Amino acid sequence: MADGGTTCSPLFEFAIAMLIRRLQDCELFVAGDHTQLRELLHPDKQLLELRYSLAHAVVPVGQTSIDHALKTSEVYYLLSGQGEMHINDEVQAVGPGDAIYIPPNARQFIHNTGSEPLVFICIVDPAWRAEDETIYAN
């Protein structure tokens, strides 16, 4: 072979070397927990070698996400706003610069206690799938 005898699997032939996703180009939708989401990266939606999914989330002023649990671990990284994070029976005040680890199967919700939207990044590992999420009726 002209390339020195090496071959690439189909995944690597078409894999993306660099991907930049601009927030404003990502579709806004309301998630099952009622947060406003824009999914930035997901291995089922882009040809990426990635275990996790990455989304940008917003909880409007005075709003609360719906009580829910994921079978997978999740991390929130807060960009702006103030809130109260509820994980199982624990409640903590949270704000910009806070990273919140949410263990698998933990009941969780976040409440915006501030005067501006609560904005955060969500990382779900392994990547988020609808069948891994349980929404609890209020």
N, C-alpha and C. Protein backbone atom coordinates (compact mmCIF):
# COMPACT_ATOMS: atom_id res chain seq x y z
N MET A 1 0.83 -1.19 0.00
CA MET A 1 0.00 0.00 0.00
C MET A 1 0.87 1.25 0.00
N ALA A 2 0.39 2.28 -0.63
CA ALA A 2 1.14 3.51 -0.75
C ALA A 2 1.35 4.20 0.59
N ASP A 3 0.49 3.89 1.59
CA ASP A 3 0.61 4.57 2.88
C ASP A 3 1.49 3.80 3.86
N GLY A 4 2.30 2.85 3.34
CA GLY A 4 3.19 2.12 4.22
C GLY A 4 2.56 0.87 4.79
N GLY A 5 1.41 0.46 4.24
CA GLY A 5 0.79 -0.78 4.68
C GLY A 5 -0.22 -0.64 5.80
N THR A 6 -0.44 0.55 6.28
CA THR A 6 -1.41 0.72 7.36
C THR A 6 -2.78 1.01 6.79
N THR A 7 -3.80 0.59 7.50
CA THR A 7 -5.17 0.90 7.11
C THR A 7 -5.89 1.46 8.32
N CYS A 8 -6.96 2.16 8.07
CA CYS A 8 -7.79 2.72 9.14
C CYS A 8 -9.12 2.03 9.14
N SER A 9 -9.68 1.83 10.32
CA SER A 9 -11.03 1.29 10.40
C SER A 9 -11.99 2.35 9.88
N PRO A 10 -13.20 1.94 9.48
CA PRO A 10 -14.17 2.93 8.99
C PRO A 10 -14.41 4.06 9.98
N LEU A 11 -14.42 3.76 11.28
CA LEU A 11 -14.64 4.81 12.27
C LEU A 11 -13.57 5.89 12.16
N PHE A 12 -12.32 5.47 12.01
CA PHE A 12 -11.24 6.44 11.96
C PHE A 12 -11.14 7.13 10.60
N GLU A 13 -11.60 6.48 9.54
CA GLU A 13 -11.58 7.13 8.23
C GLU A 13 -12.49 8.35 8.21
N PHE A 14 -13.57 8.30 8.97
CA PHE A 14 -14.53 9.38 8.94
C PHE A 14 -14.58 10.17 10.24
N ALA A 15 -13.79 9.79 11.22
CA ALA A 15 -13.81 10.49 12.51
C ALA A 15 -13.40 11.95 12.33
N ILE A 16 -13.96 12.77 13.16
CA ILE A 16 -13.68 14.19 13.11
C ILE A 16 -12.40 14.48 13.88
N ALA A 17 -11.46 15.18 13.25
CA ALA A 17 -10.21 15.53 13.92
C ALA A 17 -10.44 16.67 14.91
N MET A 18 -11.25 17.64 14.50
CA MET A 18 -11.59 18.75 15.38
C MET A 18 -13.05 19.10 15.14
N LEU A 19 -13.75 19.33 16.22
CA LEU A 19 -15.14 19.73 16.10
C LEU A 19 -15.37 20.91 17.03
N ILE A 20 -15.88 21.98 16.50
CA ILE A 20 -16.25 23.14 17.31
C ILE A 20 -17.74 23.33 17.15
N ARG A 21 -18.46 23.26 18.26
CA ARG A 21 -19.90 23.47 18.25
C ARG A 21 -20.18 24.80 18.92
N ARG A 22 -20.79 25.69 18.20
CA ARG A 22 -21.14 26.99 18.76
C ARG A 22 -22.52 26.90 19.39
N LEU A 23 -22.61 27.41 20.61
CA LEU A 23 -23.84 27.30 21.38
C LEU A 23 -25.04 27.79 20.58
N GLN A 24 -24.91 28.94 19.94
CA GLN A 24 -26.04 29.52 19.21
C GLN A 24 -26.48 28.66 18.03
N ASP A 25 -25.64 27.73 17.59
CA ASP A 25 -26.00 26.84 16.48
C ASP A 25 -26.67 25.55 16.95
N CYS A 26 -26.71 25.32 18.25
CA CYS A 26 -27.31 24.11 18.80
C CYS A 26 -28.78 24.36 19.11
N GLU A 27 -29.62 23.42 18.72
CA GLU A 27 -31.06 23.57 18.91
C GLU A 27 -31.43 23.63 20.39
N LEU A 28 -32.27 24.57 20.75
CA LEU A 28 -32.78 24.71 22.11
C LEU A 28 -34.02 23.83 22.25
N PHE A 29 -34.07 23.03 23.33
CA PHE A 29 -35.25 22.23 23.60
C PHE A 29 -35.45 22.15 25.11
N VAL A 30 -36.63 21.78 25.53
CA VAL A 30 -36.92 21.62 26.95
C VAL A 30 -36.78 20.14 27.28
N ALA A 31 -35.89 19.84 28.22
CA ALA A 31 -35.60 18.46 28.61
C ALA A 31 -36.72 17.90 29.49
N GLY A 32 -36.67 16.61 29.73
CA GLY A 32 -37.65 15.94 30.56
C GLY A 32 -37.75 16.51 31.96
N ASP A 33 -36.65 17.09 32.46
CA ASP A 33 -36.67 17.69 33.81
C ASP A 33 -37.05 19.17 33.77
N HIS A 34 -37.44 19.66 32.58
CA HIS A 34 -37.90 21.03 32.34
C HIS A 34 -36.79 22.08 32.30
N THR A 35 -35.53 21.66 32.21
CA THR A 35 -34.47 22.64 31.97
C THR A 35 -34.42 22.94 30.47
N GLN A 36 -33.95 24.13 30.13
CA GLN A 36 -33.75 24.50 28.73
C GLN A 36 -32.35 24.02 28.35
N LEU A 37 -32.26 23.14 27.37
CA LEU A 37 -30.98 22.52 27.01
C LEU A 37 -30.59 22.80 25.57
N ARG A 38 -29.28 22.84 25.39
CA ARG A 38 -28.66 22.82 24.06
C ARG A 38 -27.57 21.76 24.16
N GLU A 39 -27.74 20.69 23.42
CA GLU A 39 -26.77 19.60 23.47
C GLU A 39 -25.58 19.95 22.59
N LEU A 40 -24.41 20.04 23.21
CA LEU A 40 -23.20 20.43 22.49
C LEU A 40 -22.49 19.23 21.87
N LEU A 41 -22.30 18.18 22.67
CA LEU A 41 -21.59 17.00 22.20
C LEU A 41 -22.30 15.74 22.69
N HIS A 42 -22.47 14.78 21.79
CA HIS A 42 -23.05 13.49 22.16
C HIS A 42 -22.51 12.46 21.17
N PRO A 43 -21.93 11.37 21.66
CA PRO A 43 -21.32 10.40 20.76
C PRO A 43 -22.31 9.71 19.82
N ASP A 44 -23.61 9.76 20.12
CA ASP A 44 -24.61 9.18 19.22
C ASP A 44 -25.02 10.15 18.12
N LYS A 45 -24.61 11.42 18.24
CA LYS A 45 -25.05 12.43 17.28
C LYS A 45 -23.91 13.02 16.45
N GLN A 46 -22.70 12.84 16.91
CA GLN A 46 -21.52 13.23 16.13
C GLN A 46 -20.58 12.04 16.12
N LEU A 47 -19.80 11.91 15.09
CA LEU A 47 -18.86 10.81 14.99
C LEU A 47 -17.62 11.13 15.83
N LEU A 48 -17.75 10.89 17.14
CA LEU A 48 -16.71 11.23 18.10
C LEU A 48 -16.37 10.01 18.94
N GLU A 49 -15.13 9.89 19.31
CA GLU A 49 -14.74 8.86 20.27
C GLU A 49 -14.86 9.51 21.65
N LEU A 50 -16.05 9.41 22.20
CA LEU A 50 -16.39 10.13 23.42
C LEU A 50 -17.32 9.25 24.24
N ARG A 51 -17.08 9.14 25.54
CA ARG A 51 -17.96 8.36 26.41
C ARG A 51 -19.12 9.19 26.95
N TYR A 52 -18.91 10.47 27.11
CA TYR A 52 -19.87 11.33 27.80
C TYR A 52 -20.63 12.21 26.83
N SER A 53 -21.70 12.82 27.35
CA SER A 53 -22.40 13.87 26.60
C SER A 53 -22.22 15.19 27.35
N LEU A 54 -22.29 16.28 26.60
CA LEU A 54 -22.06 17.61 27.15
C LEU A 54 -23.19 18.52 26.68
N ALA A 55 -23.85 19.18 27.64
CA ALA A 55 -24.96 20.06 27.29
C ALA A 55 -24.87 21.36 28.08
N HIS A 56 -25.48 22.40 27.53
CA HIS A 56 -25.59 23.71 28.17
C HIS A 56 -27.03 23.81 28.66
N ALA A 57 -27.21 24.14 29.95
CA ALA A 57 -28.54 24.14 30.55
C ALA A 57 -28.86 25.50 31.15
N VAL A 58 -30.15 25.84 31.15
CA VAL A 58 -30.63 27.07 31.76
C VAL A 58 -31.90 26.75 32.54
N VAL A 59 -31.94 27.25 33.79
CA VAL A 59 -33.16 27.22 34.59
C VAL A 59 -33.56 28.69 34.78
N PRO A 60 -34.71 29.09 34.25
CA PRO A 60 -35.13 30.50 34.38
C PRO A 60 -35.33 30.93 35.83
N VAL A 61 -35.34 32.24 36.04
CA VAL A 61 -35.53 32.83 37.38
C VAL A 61 -36.78 32.25 38.03
N GLY A 62 -36.61 31.80 39.28
CA GLY A 62 -37.73 31.29 40.07
C GLY A 62 -38.17 29.89 39.72
N GLN A 63 -37.57 29.27 38.72
CA GLN A 63 -37.97 27.93 38.28
C GLN A 63 -37.13 26.84 38.95
N THR A 64 -37.65 25.62 38.88
CA THR A 64 -37.00 24.44 39.45
C THR A 64 -37.07 23.32 38.43
N SER A 65 -35.96 22.62 38.26
CA SER A 65 -36.01 21.43 37.40
C SER A 65 -36.84 20.37 38.11
N ILE A 66 -37.39 19.46 37.35
CA ILE A 66 -38.22 18.40 37.93
C ILE A 66 -37.32 17.34 38.58
N ASP A 67 -37.78 16.83 39.72
CA ASP A 67 -37.10 15.77 40.44
C ASP A 67 -36.89 14.58 39.49
N HIS A 68 -35.64 14.17 39.34
CA HIS A 68 -35.32 13.08 38.42
C HIS A 68 -34.05 12.37 38.87
N ALA A 69 -33.76 11.25 38.23
CA ALA A 69 -32.54 10.48 38.51
C ALA A 69 -32.03 9.90 37.21
N LEU A 70 -30.72 9.76 37.13
CA LEU A 70 -30.08 9.10 35.99
C LEU A 70 -29.37 7.85 36.49
N LYS A 71 -29.33 6.82 35.66
CA LYS A 71 -28.58 5.60 36.01
C LYS A 71 -27.07 5.85 35.94
N THR A 72 -26.69 6.97 35.34
CA THR A 72 -25.29 7.31 35.12
C THR A 72 -24.88 8.47 36.03
N SER A 73 -23.59 8.71 36.12
CA SER A 73 -23.13 9.86 36.89
C SER A 73 -23.29 11.13 36.06
N GLU A 74 -23.38 12.25 36.77
CA GLU A 74 -23.56 13.54 36.11
C GLU A 74 -22.78 14.59 36.88
N VAL A 75 -22.30 15.59 36.16
CA VAL A 75 -21.62 16.73 36.77
C VAL A 75 -22.25 17.99 36.21
N TYR A 76 -22.58 18.93 37.10
CA TYR A 76 -22.99 20.28 36.69
C TYR A 76 -21.83 21.20 37.00
N TYR A 77 -21.52 22.10 36.07
CA TYR A 77 -20.55 23.16 36.33
C TYR A 77 -21.29 24.47 36.11
N LEU A 78 -21.45 25.25 37.19
CA LEU A 78 -22.26 26.47 37.13
C LEU A 78 -21.48 27.64 36.54
N LEU A 79 -22.09 28.28 35.54
CA LEU A 79 -21.48 29.42 34.87
C LEU A 79 -21.98 30.75 35.42
N SER A 80 -23.28 30.83 35.70
CA SER A 80 -23.84 32.08 36.23
C SER A 80 -25.15 31.78 36.94
N GLY A 81 -25.54 32.71 37.81
CA GLY A 81 -26.76 32.57 38.57
C GLY A 81 -26.53 31.94 39.94
N GLN A 82 -27.59 31.87 40.71
CA GLN A 82 -27.54 31.29 42.06
C GLN A 82 -28.63 30.24 42.17
N GLY A 83 -28.37 29.21 42.95
CA GLY A 83 -29.38 28.18 43.09
C GLY A 83 -29.21 27.33 44.33
N GLU A 84 -30.13 26.39 44.46
CA GLU A 84 -30.06 25.36 45.49
C GLU A 84 -30.07 24.01 44.79
N MET A 85 -29.04 23.22 45.06
CA MET A 85 -28.94 21.88 44.48
C MET A 85 -29.47 20.89 45.49
N HIS A 86 -30.37 20.04 45.04
CA HIS A 86 -30.97 19.00 45.88
C HIS A 86 -30.53 17.65 45.33
N ILE A 87 -29.81 16.88 46.14
CA ILE A 87 -29.40 15.53 45.77
C ILE A 87 -29.79 14.62 46.92
N ASN A 88 -30.72 13.69 46.64
CA ASN A 88 -31.31 12.85 47.67
C ASN A 88 -31.83 13.75 48.80
N ASP A 89 -31.34 13.60 50.02
CA ASP A 89 -31.84 14.42 51.14
C ASP A 89 -30.95 15.62 51.45
N GLU A 90 -29.95 15.85 50.61
CA GLU A 90 -29.00 16.94 50.86
C GLU A 90 -29.34 18.16 50.01
N VAL A 91 -29.18 19.36 50.60
CA VAL A 91 -29.44 20.63 49.90
C VAL A 91 -28.25 21.55 50.14
N GLN A 92 -27.73 22.15 49.06
CA GLN A 92 -26.61 23.09 49.18
C GLN A 92 -26.85 24.28 48.27
N ALA A 93 -26.47 25.47 48.74
CA ALA A 93 -26.47 26.66 47.90
C ALA A 93 -25.32 26.53 46.90
N VAL A 94 -25.58 26.93 45.63
CA VAL A 94 -24.57 26.82 44.59
C VAL A 94 -24.54 28.08 43.75
N GLY A 95 -23.38 28.34 43.15
CA GLY A 95 -23.23 29.52 42.32
C GLY A 95 -22.10 29.35 41.33
N PRO A 96 -21.76 30.41 40.60
CA PRO A 96 -20.74 30.35 39.55
C PRO A 96 -19.43 29.76 40.05
N GLY A 97 -18.85 28.87 39.23
CA GLY A 97 -17.59 28.24 39.57
C GLY A 97 -17.73 26.95 40.35
N ASP A 98 -18.96 26.60 40.77
CA ASP A 98 -19.17 25.36 41.52
C ASP A 98 -19.31 24.19 40.56
N ALA A 99 -18.63 23.09 40.88
CA ALA A 99 -18.79 21.82 40.16
C ALA A 99 -19.54 20.89 41.11
N ILE A 100 -20.61 20.29 40.62
CA ILE A 100 -21.47 19.44 41.44
C ILE A 100 -21.45 18.03 40.88
N TYR A 101 -21.01 17.07 41.66
CA TYR A 101 -21.04 15.66 41.26
C TYR A 101 -22.37 15.06 41.71
N ILE A 102 -23.05 14.40 40.80
CA ILE A 102 -24.32 13.74 41.09
C ILE A 102 -24.12 12.25 40.83
N PRO A 103 -24.15 11.43 41.88
CA PRO A 103 -23.90 10.00 41.69
C PRO A 103 -25.01 9.31 40.90
N PRO A 104 -24.70 8.17 40.31
CA PRO A 104 -25.73 7.40 39.61
C PRO A 104 -26.91 7.10 40.55
N ASN A 105 -28.11 7.15 39.98
CA ASN A 105 -29.36 6.81 40.67
C ASN A 105 -29.77 7.77 41.78
N ALA A 106 -29.10 8.90 41.91
CA ALA A 106 -29.46 9.88 42.94
C ALA A 106 -30.65 10.72 42.46
N ARG A 107 -31.62 10.92 43.34
CA ARG A 107 -32.73 11.83 43.02
C ARG A 107 -32.19 13.25 43.12
N GLN A 108 -32.50 14.07 42.13
CA GLN A 108 -31.90 15.40 42.06
C GLN A 108 -32.82 16.40 41.39
N PHE A 109 -32.65 17.64 41.81
CA PHE A 109 -33.24 18.77 41.09
C PHE A 109 -32.49 20.02 41.54
N ILE A 110 -32.61 21.07 40.73
CA ILE A 110 -31.94 22.33 41.05
C ILE A 110 -32.97 23.45 40.95
N HIS A 111 -32.91 24.39 41.90
CA HIS A 111 -33.84 25.51 41.96
C HIS A 111 -33.07 26.80 41.78
N ASN A 112 -33.56 27.67 40.91
CA ASN A 112 -32.95 28.97 40.70
C ASN A 112 -33.46 29.92 41.79
N THR A 113 -32.56 30.33 42.68
CA THR A 113 -32.91 31.24 43.78
C THR A 113 -32.52 32.68 43.50
N GLY A 114 -31.92 32.93 42.35
CA GLY A 114 -31.39 34.25 42.06
C GLY A 114 -32.30 35.13 41.23
N SER A 115 -31.72 36.23 40.78
CA SER A 115 -32.46 37.22 39.98
C SER A 115 -32.07 37.19 38.50
N GLU A 116 -31.33 36.17 38.11
CA GLU A 116 -30.93 35.98 36.71
C GLU A 116 -31.01 34.49 36.39
N PRO A 117 -31.03 34.12 35.13
CA PRO A 117 -31.07 32.70 34.79
C PRO A 117 -29.91 31.94 35.42
N LEU A 118 -30.17 30.71 35.83
CA LEU A 118 -29.14 29.81 36.35
C LEU A 118 -28.61 29.03 35.15
N VAL A 119 -27.34 29.21 34.83
CA VAL A 119 -26.75 28.65 33.62
C VAL A 119 -25.63 27.70 34.02
N PHE A 120 -25.64 26.50 33.44
CA PHE A 120 -24.62 25.52 33.79
C PHE A 120 -24.37 24.55 32.65
N ILE A 121 -23.24 23.89 32.74
CA ILE A 121 -22.85 22.83 31.81
C ILE A 121 -23.16 21.50 32.49
N CYS A 122 -23.72 20.56 31.73
CA CYS A 122 -24.01 19.21 32.23
C CYS A 122 -23.11 18.22 31.50
N ILE A 123 -22.45 17.38 32.25
CA ILE A 123 -21.67 16.29 31.68
C ILE A 123 -22.27 15.00 32.22
N VAL A 124 -22.68 14.11 31.33
CA VAL A 124 -23.25 12.82 31.72
C VAL A 124 -22.33 11.74 31.20
N ASP A 125 -21.92 10.82 32.10
CA ASP A 125 -20.98 9.75 31.74
C ASP A 125 -21.42 8.43 32.34
N PRO A 126 -21.66 7.42 31.47
CA PRO A 126 -21.67 7.46 30.02
C PRO A 126 -22.76 8.39 29.50
N ALA A 127 -22.69 8.65 28.20
CA ALA A 127 -23.56 9.65 27.57
C ALA A 127 -25.04 9.45 27.90
N TRP A 128 -25.76 10.58 28.00
CA TRP A 128 -27.17 10.56 28.34
C TRP A 128 -27.97 9.76 27.32
N ARG A 129 -28.90 8.95 27.84
CA ARG A 129 -29.89 8.23 27.02
C ARG A 129 -31.22 8.31 27.74
N ALA A 130 -32.29 8.48 27.01
CA ALA A 130 -33.62 8.63 27.60
C ALA A 130 -33.96 7.47 28.52
N GLU A 131 -33.59 6.26 28.14
CA GLU A 131 -33.93 5.08 28.95
C GLU A 131 -33.17 5.03 30.27
N ASP A 132 -32.17 5.88 30.45
CA ASP A 132 -31.42 5.93 31.71
C ASP A 132 -31.97 6.96 32.68
N GLU A 133 -33.02 7.68 32.30
CA GLU A 133 -33.54 8.75 33.14
C GLU A 133 -34.93 8.39 33.68
N THR A 134 -35.13 8.67 34.97
CA THR A 134 -36.43 8.51 35.60
C THR A 134 -36.89 9.90 36.06
N ILE A 135 -38.09 10.29 35.63
CA ILE A 135 -38.69 11.56 36.06
C ILE A 135 -39.74 11.22 37.12
N TYR A 136 -39.65 11.90 38.26
CA TYR A 136 -40.59 11.64 39.36
C TYR A 136 -41.72 12.66 39.31
N ALA A 137 -42.95 12.18 39.50
CA ALA A 137 -44.11 13.07 39.54
C ALA A 137 -44.08 13.88 40.82
N ASN A 138 -44.43 15.14 40.71
CA ASN A 138 -44.43 16.01 41.89
C ASN A 138 -45.72 15.87 42.66
